[in-house]
PDB file of N, CA and C in Angstrom:
ATOM      1  N   UNK A   1       7.975  11.791  14.392  1.00  0.00           N
ATOM      2  CA  UNK A   1       7.967  12.449  12.989  1.00  0.00           C
ATOM      3  C   UNK A   1       7.572  11.434  11.804  1.00  0.00           C
ATOM      4  N   UNK A   2       6.977  12.200  10.889  1.00  0.00           N
ATOM      5  CA  UNK A   2       6.507  11.440   9.741  1.00  0.00           C
ATOM      6  C   UNK A   2       7.302  11.586   8.528  1.00  0.00           C
ATOM      7  N   UNK A   3       6.696  10.630   7.563  1.00  0.00           N
ATOM      8  CA  UNK A   3       7.799  10.492   6.469  1.00  0.00           C
ATOM      9  C   UNK A   3       6.759  10.445   5.371  1.00  0.00           C
ATOM     10  N   UNK A   4       7.006  10.887   4.038  1.00  0.00           N
ATOM     11  CA  UNK A   4       6.419  10.954   2.881  1.00  0.00           C
ATOM     12  C   UNK A   4       6.673   9.445   2.100  1.00  0.00           C
ATOM     13  N   UNK A   5       5.896   8.808   1.596  1.00  0.00           N
ATOM     14  CA  UNK A   5       6.406   7.583   0.687  1.00  0.00           C
ATOM     15  C   UNK A   5       5.567   7.071  -0.055  1.00  0.00           C
ATOM     16  N   UNK A   6       5.960   5.900  -1.041  1.00  0.00           N
ATOM     17  CA  UNK A   6       4.886   5.047  -1.775  1.00  0.00           C
ATOM     18  C   UNK A   6       4.956   3.868  -1.606  1.00  0.00           C
ATOM     19  N   UNK A   7       3.907   3.171  -1.796  1.00  0.00           N
ATOM     20  CA  UNK A   7       3.916   1.766  -1.489  1.00  0.00           C
ATOM     21  C   UNK A   7       3.333   1.241  -3.118  1.00  0.00           C
ATOM     22  N   UNK A   8       4.083   0.419  -3.507  1.00  0.00           N
ATOM     23  CA  UNK A   8       3.533  -0.161  -4.906  1.00  0.00           C
ATOM     24  C   UNK A   8       2.952  -1.825  -4.639  1.00  0.00           C
ATOM     25  N   UNK A   9       1.834  -1.952  -5.279  1.00  0.00           N
ATOM     26  CA  UNK A   9       1.204  -3.049  -5.055  1.00  0.00           C
ATOM     27  C   UNK A   9       0.554  -3.828  -6.346  1.00  0.00           C
ATOM     28  N   UNK A  10       1.458  -4.972  -6.562  1.00  0.00           N
ATOM     29  CA  UNK A  10       1.151  -5.737  -7.855  1.00  0.00           C
ATOM     30  C   UNK A  10      -0.089  -6.778  -7.476  1.00  0.00           C
ATOM     31  N   UNK A  11      -1.268  -6.973  -8.041  1.00  0.00           N
ATOM     32  CA  UNK A  11      -2.226  -8.043  -7.868  1.00  0.00           C
ATOM     33  C   UNK A  11      -2.056  -8.989  -8.819  1.00  0.00           C
ATOM     34  N   UNK A  12      -1.583 -10.260  -8.461  1.00  0.00           N
ATOM     35  CA  UNK A  12      -1.634 -11.296  -9.448  1.00  0.00           C
ATOM     36  C   UNK A  12      -2.570 -12.305  -9.203  1.00  0.00           C
ATOM     37  N   UNK A  13      -3.005 -12.910 -10.252  1.00  0.00           N
ATOM     38  CA  UNK A  13      -4.000 -14.103 -10.027  1.00  0.00           C
ATOM     39  C   UNK A  13      -5.566 -13.438  -9.841  1.00  0.00           C
ATOM     40  N   UNK A  14      -5.738 -14.307  -8.587  1.00  0.00           N
ATOM     41  CA  UNK A  14      -7.374 -14.281  -8.137  1.00  0.00           C
ATOM     42  C   UNK A  14      -7.710 -12.785  -7.758  1.00  0.00           C
ATOM     43  N   UNK A  15      -8.710 -12.158  -8.221  1.00  0.00           N
ATOM     44  CA  UNK A  15      -9.007 -10.691  -7.794  1.00  0.00           C
ATOM     45  C   UNK A  15      -9.794 -10.560  -6.910  1.00  0.00           C
ATOM     46  N   UNK A  16     -10.064 -11.692  -6.117  1.00  0.00           N
ATOM     47  CA  UNK A  16     -11.101 -11.794  -5.160  1.00  0.00           C
ATOM     48  C   UNK A  16     -10.542 -11.422  -3.689  1.00  0.00           C
ATOM     49  N   UNK A  17      -9.183 -11.299  -3.856  1.00  0.00           N
ATOM     50  CA  UNK A  17      -8.632 -10.410  -2.696  1.00  0.00           C
ATOM     51  C   UNK A  17      -8.887  -9.031  -2.467  1.00  0.00           C
ATOM     52  N   UNK A  18      -9.347  -8.417  -3.667  1.00  0.00           N
ATOM     53  CA  UNK A  18      -9.474  -7.193  -3.620  1.00  0.00           C
ATOM     54  C   UNK A  18     -10.394  -6.542  -2.183  1.00  0.00           C
ATOM     55  N   UNK A  19     -11.567  -7.465  -1.913  1.00  0.00           N
ATOM     56  CA  UNK A  19     -12.397  -6.840  -0.725  1.00  0.00           C
ATOM     57  C   UNK A  19     -11.498  -7.064   0.491  1.00  0.00           C
ATOM     58  N   UNK A  20     -10.809  -7.940   0.827  1.00  0.00           N
ATOM     59  CA  UNK A  20      -9.668  -8.150   1.893  1.00  0.00           C
ATOM     60  C   UNK A  20      -8.849  -7.022   1.771  1.00  0.00           C
ATOM     61  N   UNK A  21      -8.113  -6.521   0.875  1.00  0.00           N
ATOM     62  CA  UNK A  21      -7.300  -5.713   0.582  1.00  0.00           C
ATOM     63  C   UNK A  21      -7.819  -4.224   0.889  1.00  0.00           C
ATOM     64  N   UNK A  22      -9.206  -4.003   0.336  1.00  0.00           N
ATOM     65  CA  UNK A  22      -9.972  -2.717   0.716  1.00  0.00           C
ATOM     66  C   UNK A  22     -10.166  -2.449   2.295  1.00  0.00           C
ATOM     67  N   UNK A  23     -10.434  -3.658   2.798  1.00  0.00           N
ATOM     68  CA  UNK A  23     -10.474  -3.577   4.369  1.00  0.00           C
ATOM     69  C   UNK A  23      -9.504  -2.970   5.089  1.00  0.00           C
ATOM     70  N   UNK A  24      -8.243  -3.626   4.621  1.00  0.00           N
ATOM     71  CA  UNK A  24      -6.799  -3.026   5.086  1.00  0.00           C
ATOM     72  C   UNK A  24      -6.337  -1.871   5.036  1.00  0.00           C
ATOM     73  N   UNK A  25      -6.856  -1.248   3.538  1.00  0.00           N
ATOM     74  CA  UNK A  25      -6.355  -0.074   3.132  1.00  0.00           C
ATOM     75  C   UNK A  25      -7.592   0.959   3.953  1.00  0.00           C
ATOM     76  N   UNK A  26      -8.534   0.556   4.277  1.00  0.00           N
ATOM     77  CA  UNK A  26      -9.471   1.445   5.253  1.00  0.00           C
ATOM     78  C   UNK A  26      -9.107   1.504   6.574  1.00  0.00           C
ATOM     79  N   UNK A  27      -8.605   0.652   7.024  1.00  0.00           N
ATOM     80  CA  UNK A  27      -8.030   0.381   8.257  1.00  0.00           C
ATOM     81  C   UNK A  27      -6.714   1.438   8.263  1.00  0.00           C
ATOM     82  N   UNK A  28      -5.941   1.658   7.261  1.00  0.00           N
ATOM     83  CA  UNK A  28      -4.958   2.643   7.325  1.00  0.00           C
ATOM     84  C   UNK A  28      -5.182   3.884   6.412  1.00  0.00           C
ATOM     85  N   UNK A  29      -6.427   3.955   6.570  1.00  0.00           N
ATOM     86  CA  UNK A  29      -6.664   5.510   5.577  1.00  0.00           C
ATOM     87  C   UNK A  29      -6.302   6.635   6.326  1.00  0.00           C
ATOM     88  N   UNK A  30      -5.793   6.731   7.403  1.00  0.00           N
ATOM     89  CA  UNK A  30      -5.380   7.744   7.880  1.00  0.00           C
ATOM     90  C   UNK A  30      -4.092   8.128   7.527  1.00  0.00           C
ATOM     91  N   UNK A  31      -3.126   7.318   6.788  1.00  0.00           N
ATOM     92  CA  UNK A  31      -1.981   7.520   6.287  1.00  0.00           C
ATOM     93  C   UNK A  31      -1.752   7.623   4.920  1.00  0.00           C
ATOM     94  N   UNK A  32      -2.898   7.084   4.401  1.00  0.00           N
ATOM     95  CA  UNK A  32      -3.081   7.213   3.105  1.00  0.00           C
ATOM     96  C   UNK A  32      -3.539   8.400   2.177  1.00  0.00           C
ATOM     97  N   UNK A  33      -2.572   9.245   1.541  1.00  0.00           N
ATOM     98  CA  UNK A  33      -2.907  10.624   1.113  1.00  0.00           C
ATOM     99  C   UNK A  33      -3.231  10.726  -0.507  1.00  0.00           C
ATOM    100  N   UNK A  34      -3.206   9.476  -1.107  1.00  0.00           N
ATOM    101  CA  UNK A  34      -3.088   9.466  -2.682  1.00  0.00           C
ATOM    102  C   UNK A  34      -3.287   7.771  -2.894  1.00  0.00           C
ATOM    103  N   UNK A  35      -3.991   7.774  -3.989  1.00  0.00           N
ATOM    104  CA  UNK A  35      -4.132   6.087  -4.476  1.00  0.00           C
ATOM    105  C   UNK A  35      -4.488   6.379  -5.917  1.00  0.00           C
ATOM    106  N   UNK A  36      -3.714   5.521  -6.778  1.00  0.00           N
ATOM    107  CA  UNK A  36      -4.007   5.200  -8.190  1.00  0.00           C
ATOM    108  C   UNK A  36      -3.967   3.709  -8.559  1.00  0.00           C
ATOM    109  N   UNK A  37      -4.955   3.329  -9.159  1.00  0.00           N
ATOM    110  CA  UNK A  37      -5.112   2.023  -9.747  1.00  0.00           C
ATOM    111  C   UNK A  37      -5.173   1.856 -11.336  1.00  0.00           C
ATOM    112  N   UNK A  38      -4.373   0.899 -11.691  1.00  0.00           N
ATOM    113  CA  UNK A  38      -4.343   0.333 -13.088  1.00  0.00           C
ATOM    114  C   UNK A  38      -5.068  -0.891 -13.333  1.00  0.00           C
ATOM    115  N   UNK A  39      -6.231  -1.091 -13.447  1.00  0.00           N
ATOM    116  CA  UNK A  39      -6.951  -2.379 -13.390  1.00  0.00           C
ATOM    117  C   UNK A  39      -6.474  -2.945 -14.897  1.00  0.00           C
ATOM    118  N   UNK A  40      -5.955  -4.169 -14.843  1.00  0.00           N
ATOM    119  CA  UNK A  40      -5.853  -5.124 -16.155  1.00  0.00           C
ATOM    120  C   UNK A  40      -6.265  -6.500 -15.855  1.00  0.00           C
ATOM    121  N   UNK A  41      -6.268  -7.173 -16.999  1.00  0.00           N
ATOM    122  CA  UNK A  41      -6.842  -8.481 -17.111  1.00  0.00           C
ATOM    123  C   UNK A  41      -6.197  -9.556 -16.234  1.00  0.00           C
ATOM    124  N   UNK A  42      -4.902  -9.352 -16.407  1.00  0.00           N
ATOM    125  CA  UNK A  42      -3.751 -10.592 -15.783  1.00  0.00           C
ATOM    126  C   UNK A  42      -3.291 -10.049 -14.586  1.00  0.00           C
ATOM    127  N   UNK A  43      -2.569  -8.756 -14.534  1.00  0.00           N
ATOM    128  CA  UNK A  43      -2.128  -8.185 -13.472  1.00  0.00           C
ATOM    129  C   UNK A  43      -2.482  -6.732 -13.333  1.00  0.00           C
ATOM    130  N   UNK A  44      -2.777  -6.412 -12.177  1.00  0.00           N
ATOM    131  CA  UNK A  44      -3.323  -4.904 -11.627  1.00  0.00           C
ATOM    132  C   UNK A  44      -2.288  -4.274 -10.968  1.00  0.00           C
ATOM    133  N   UNK A  45      -2.148  -3.066 -11.046  1.00  0.00           N
ATOM    134  CA  UNK A  45      -1.094  -2.312 -10.313  1.00  0.00           C
ATOM    135  C   UNK A  45      -2.072  -1.191  -9.269  1.00  0.00           C
ATOM    136  N   UNK A  46      -1.369  -1.164  -8.341  1.00  0.00           N
ATOM    137  CA  UNK A  46      -2.119  -0.002  -7.352  1.00  0.00           C
ATOM    138  C   UNK A  46      -0.559   0.850  -6.637  1.00  0.00           C
ATOM    139  N   UNK A  47      -0.734   2.158  -6.629  1.00  0.00           N
ATOM    140  CA  UNK A  47       0.168   2.673  -6.222  1.00  0.00           C
ATOM    141  C   UNK A  47      -0.458   3.521  -4.827  1.00  0.00           C
ATOM    142  N   UNK A  48       0.293   3.567  -3.767  1.00  0.00           N
ATOM    143  CA  UNK A  48      -0.513   4.448  -2.709  1.00  0.00           C
ATOM    144  C   UNK A  48       0.796   5.390  -2.358  1.00  0.00           C
ATOM    145  N   UNK A  49       0.436   6.710  -2.056  1.00  0.00           N
ATOM    146  CA  UNK A  49       1.344   7.839  -1.357  1.00  0.00           C
ATOM    147  C   UNK A  49       0.819   7.937  -0.211  1.00  0.00           C
ATOM    148  N   UNK A  50       1.977   7.508   0.526  1.00  0.00           N
ATOM    149  CA  UNK A  50       1.634   7.479   2.310  1.00  0.00           C
ATOM    150  C   UNK A  50       2.290   8.592   3.326  1.00  0.00           C
ATOM    151  N   UNK A  51       1.856   9.069   4.237  1.00  0.00           N
ATOM    152  CA  UNK A  51       2.349   9.880   5.056  1.00  0.00           C
ATOM    153  C   UNK A  51       2.001   9.570   6.347  1.00  0.00           C
ATOM    154  N   UNK A  52       3.088   9.279   7.060  1.00  0.00           N
ATOM    155  CA  UNK A  52       2.881   8.716   8.474  1.00  0.00           C
ATOM    156  C   UNK A  52       4.210   8.220   9.059  1.00  0.00           C
ATOM    157  N   UNK A  53       4.176   7.852  10.397  1.00  0.00           N
ATOM    158  CA  UNK A  53       5.190   7.250  10.988  1.00  0.00           C
ATOM    159  C   UNK A  53       5.898   6.184  10.250  1.00  0.00           C
ATOM    160  N   UNK A  54       7.253   5.851  10.469  1.00  0.00           N
ATOM    161  CA  UNK A  54       8.011   4.676   9.879  1.00  0.00           C
ATOM    162  C   UNK A  54       7.021   3.452  10.199  1.00  0.00           C
ATOM    163  N   UNK A  55       6.713   3.387  11.734  1.00  0.00           N
ATOM    164  CA  UNK A  55       6.194   2.039  12.172  1.00  0.00           C
ATOM    165  C   UNK A  55       4.925   1.778  11.516  1.00  0.00           C
ATOM    166  N   UNK A  56       4.237   2.954  11.351  1.00  0.00           N
ATOM    167  CA  UNK A  56       2.974   2.760  10.510  1.00  0.00           C
ATOM    168  C   UNK A  56       2.702   2.348   9.235  1.00  0.00           C
ATOM    169  N   UNK A  57       3.573   3.153   8.450  1.00  0.00           N
ATOM    170  CA  UNK A  57       3.927   2.736   6.958  1.00  0.00           C
ATOM    171  C   UNK A  57       4.362   1.199   6.755  1.00  0.00           C
ATOM    172  N   UNK A  58       5.480   0.863   7.741  1.00  0.00           N
ATOM    173  CA  UNK A  58       5.918  -0.161   7.715  1.00  0.00           C
ATOM    174  C   UNK A  58       4.910  -1.491   7.871  1.00  0.00           C
ATOM    175  N   UNK A  59       4.053  -1.188   9.048  1.00  0.00           N
ATOM    176  CA  UNK A  59       2.902  -1.972   9.260  1.00  0.00           C
ATOM    177  C   UNK A  59       1.994  -2.300   8.116  1.00  0.00           C
ATOM    178  N   UNK A  60       1.819  -1.246   7.642  1.00  0.00           N
ATOM    179  CA  UNK A  60       0.596  -1.307   6.185  1.00  0.00           C
ATOM    180  C   UNK A  60       1.293  -2.211   5.267  1.00  0.00           C
ATOM    181  N   UNK A  61       2.567  -2.014   4.938  1.00  0.00           N
ATOM    182  CA  UNK A  61       3.423  -2.897   3.964  1.00  0.00           C
ATOM    183  C   UNK A  61       3.632  -3.864   4.213  1.00  0.00           C
ATOM    184  N   UNK A  62       3.874  -4.159   5.395  1.00  0.00           N
ATOM    185  CA  UNK A  62       3.877  -5.700   6.024  1.00  0.00           C
ATOM    186  C   UNK A  62       2.626  -6.427   5.987  1.00  0.00           C
ATOM    187  N   UNK A  63       1.596  -5.940   6.300  1.00  0.00           N
ATOM    188  CA  UNK A  63       0.214  -6.738   6.405  1.00  0.00           C
ATOM    189  C   UNK A  63      -0.073  -6.974   4.774  1.00  0.00           C
ATOM    190  N   UNK A  64       0.142  -6.175   3.888  1.00  0.00           N
ATOM    191  CA  UNK A  64      -0.247  -6.415   2.587  1.00  0.00           C
ATOM    192  C   UNK A  64       0.718  -7.307   1.901  1.00  0.00           C
ATOM    193  N   UNK A  65       1.860  -7.535   2.387  1.00  0.00           N
ATOM    194  CA  UNK A  65       2.935  -8.415   2.200  1.00  0.00           C
ATOM    195  C   UNK A  65       2.595  -9.866   2.461  1.00  0.00           C
ATOM    196  N   UNK A  66       1.372  -9.918   3.262  1.00  0.00           N
ATOM    197  CA  UNK A  66       1.139 -11.183   3.921  1.00  0.00           C
ATOM    198  C   UNK A  66       0.255 -11.897   2.749  1.00  0.00           C
ATOM    199  N   UNK A  67      -0.394 -11.252   2.036  1.00  0.00           N
ATOM    200  CA  UNK A  67      -1.205 -11.698   0.997  1.00  0.00           C
ATOM    201  C   UNK A  67      -0.680 -12.403  -0.194  1.00  0.00           C
ATOM    202  N   UNK A  68      -0.507 -13.741  -0.485  1.00  0.00           N
ATOM    203  CA  UNK A  68       0.027 -14.473  -1.492  1.00  0.00           C
ATOM    204  C   UNK A  68      -0.160 -13.602  -2.882  1.00  0.00           C
ATOM    205  N   UNK A  69      -1.539 -13.400  -3.128  1.00  0.00           N
ATOM    206  CA  UNK A  69      -1.642 -12.793  -4.386  1.00  0.00           C
ATOM    207  C   UNK A  69      -1.073 -11.467  -4.740  1.00  0.00           C
ATOM    208  N   UNK A  70      -0.306 -10.678  -3.742  1.00  0.00           N
ATOM    209  CA  UNK A  70      -0.088  -9.409  -3.771  1.00  0.00           C
ATOM    210  C   UNK A  70       1.443  -9.348  -3.647  1.00  0.00           C
ATOM    211  N   UNK A  71       2.385  -8.449  -4.704  1.00  0.00           N
ATOM    212  CA  UNK A  71       3.698  -8.310  -4.575  1.00  0.00           C
ATOM    213  C   UNK A  71       3.736  -6.796  -4.213  1.00  0.00           C
ATOM    214  N   UNK A  72       4.607  -6.723  -3.097  1.00  0.00           N
ATOM    215  CA  UNK A  72       4.533  -5.057  -2.557  1.00  0.00           C
ATOM    216  C   UNK A  72       5.811  -4.718  -2.050  1.00  0.00           C
ATOM    217  N   UNK A  73       6.282  -3.350  -2.610  1.00  0.00           N
ATOM    218  CA  UNK A  73       7.486  -2.746  -2.441  1.00  0.00           C
ATOM    219  C   UNK A  73       7.014  -1.124  -1.873  1.00  0.00           C
ATOM    220  N   UNK A  74       7.910  -0.944  -0.861  1.00  0.00           N
ATOM    221  CA  UNK A  74       7.793   0.450  -0.622  1.00  0.00           C
ATOM    222  C   UNK A  74       8.837   1.387  -0.626  1.00  0.00           C
ATOM    223  N   UNK A  75       8.795   2.478  -0.534  1.00  0.00           N
ATOM    224  CA  UNK A  75      10.253   3.471  -0.447  1.00  0.00           C
ATOM    225  C   UNK A  75       9.582   4.761   0.331  1.00  0.00           C
ATOM    226  N   UNK A  76      10.510   5.213   1.017  1.00  0.00           N
ATOM    227  CA  UNK A  76      10.224   6.303   2.042  1.00  0.00           C
ATOM    228  C   UNK A  76      11.473   7.391   1.742  1.00  0.00           C
ATOM    229  N   UNK A  77      10.842   8.471   2.113  1.00  0.00           N
ATOM    230  CA  UNK A  77      12.013   9.883   1.876  1.00  0.00           C
ATOM    231  C   UNK A  77      12.917   9.893   3.162  1.00  0.00           C
ATOM    232  N   UNK A  78      13.954  10.348   2.790  1.00  0.00           N
ATOM    233  CA  UNK A  78      14.654  10.381   3.992  1.00  0.00           C
ATOM    234  C   UNK A  78      14.599  11.539   4.929  1.00  0.00           C
ATOM    235  N   UNK A  79      13.837  12.538   4.593  1.00  0.00           N
ATOM    236  CA  UNK A  79      13.475  13.622   5.336  1.00  0.00           C
ATOM    237  C   UNK A  79      12.267  13.325   6.188  1.00  0.00           C
ATOM    238  N   UNK A  80      12.140  14.084   7.374  1.00  0.00           N
ATOM    239  CA  UNK A  80      11.117  14.134   8.289  1.00  0.00           C
ATOM    240  C   UNK A  80      10.107  15.473   8.228  1.00  0.00           C
ATOM    241  N   UNK A  81       8.973  15.014   8.596  1.00  0.00           N
ATOM    242  CA  UNK A  81       8.045  16.028   8.372  1.00  0.00           C
ATOM    243  C   UNK A  81       7.343  16.180   9.924  1.00  0.00           C
ATOM    244  N   UNK A  82       7.134  17.142  10.449  1.00  0.00           N
ATOM    245  CA  UNK A  82       6.540  17.427  11.666  1.00  0.00           C
ATOM    246  C   UNK A  82       5.296  17.376  11.854  1.00  0.00           C
TER     247      UNK A  82
END
């Protein structure tokens, strides 16, 4: 079963992480159904709308959280989609 959720990403410090982050987002492109970015000089924000299994969404969120330049939070809906 699939769920819909959001992943919020705050990018702090060195923006060179964006290339590695983009590679990861491309790897999980099958579950990303929407994306919005707010670039700022000091801190940037990215929001992802995702639809996938809990395991796949958690894998993306966990791998993003391993980057020290990123602060990541995720929230999933409680209902399931077939």
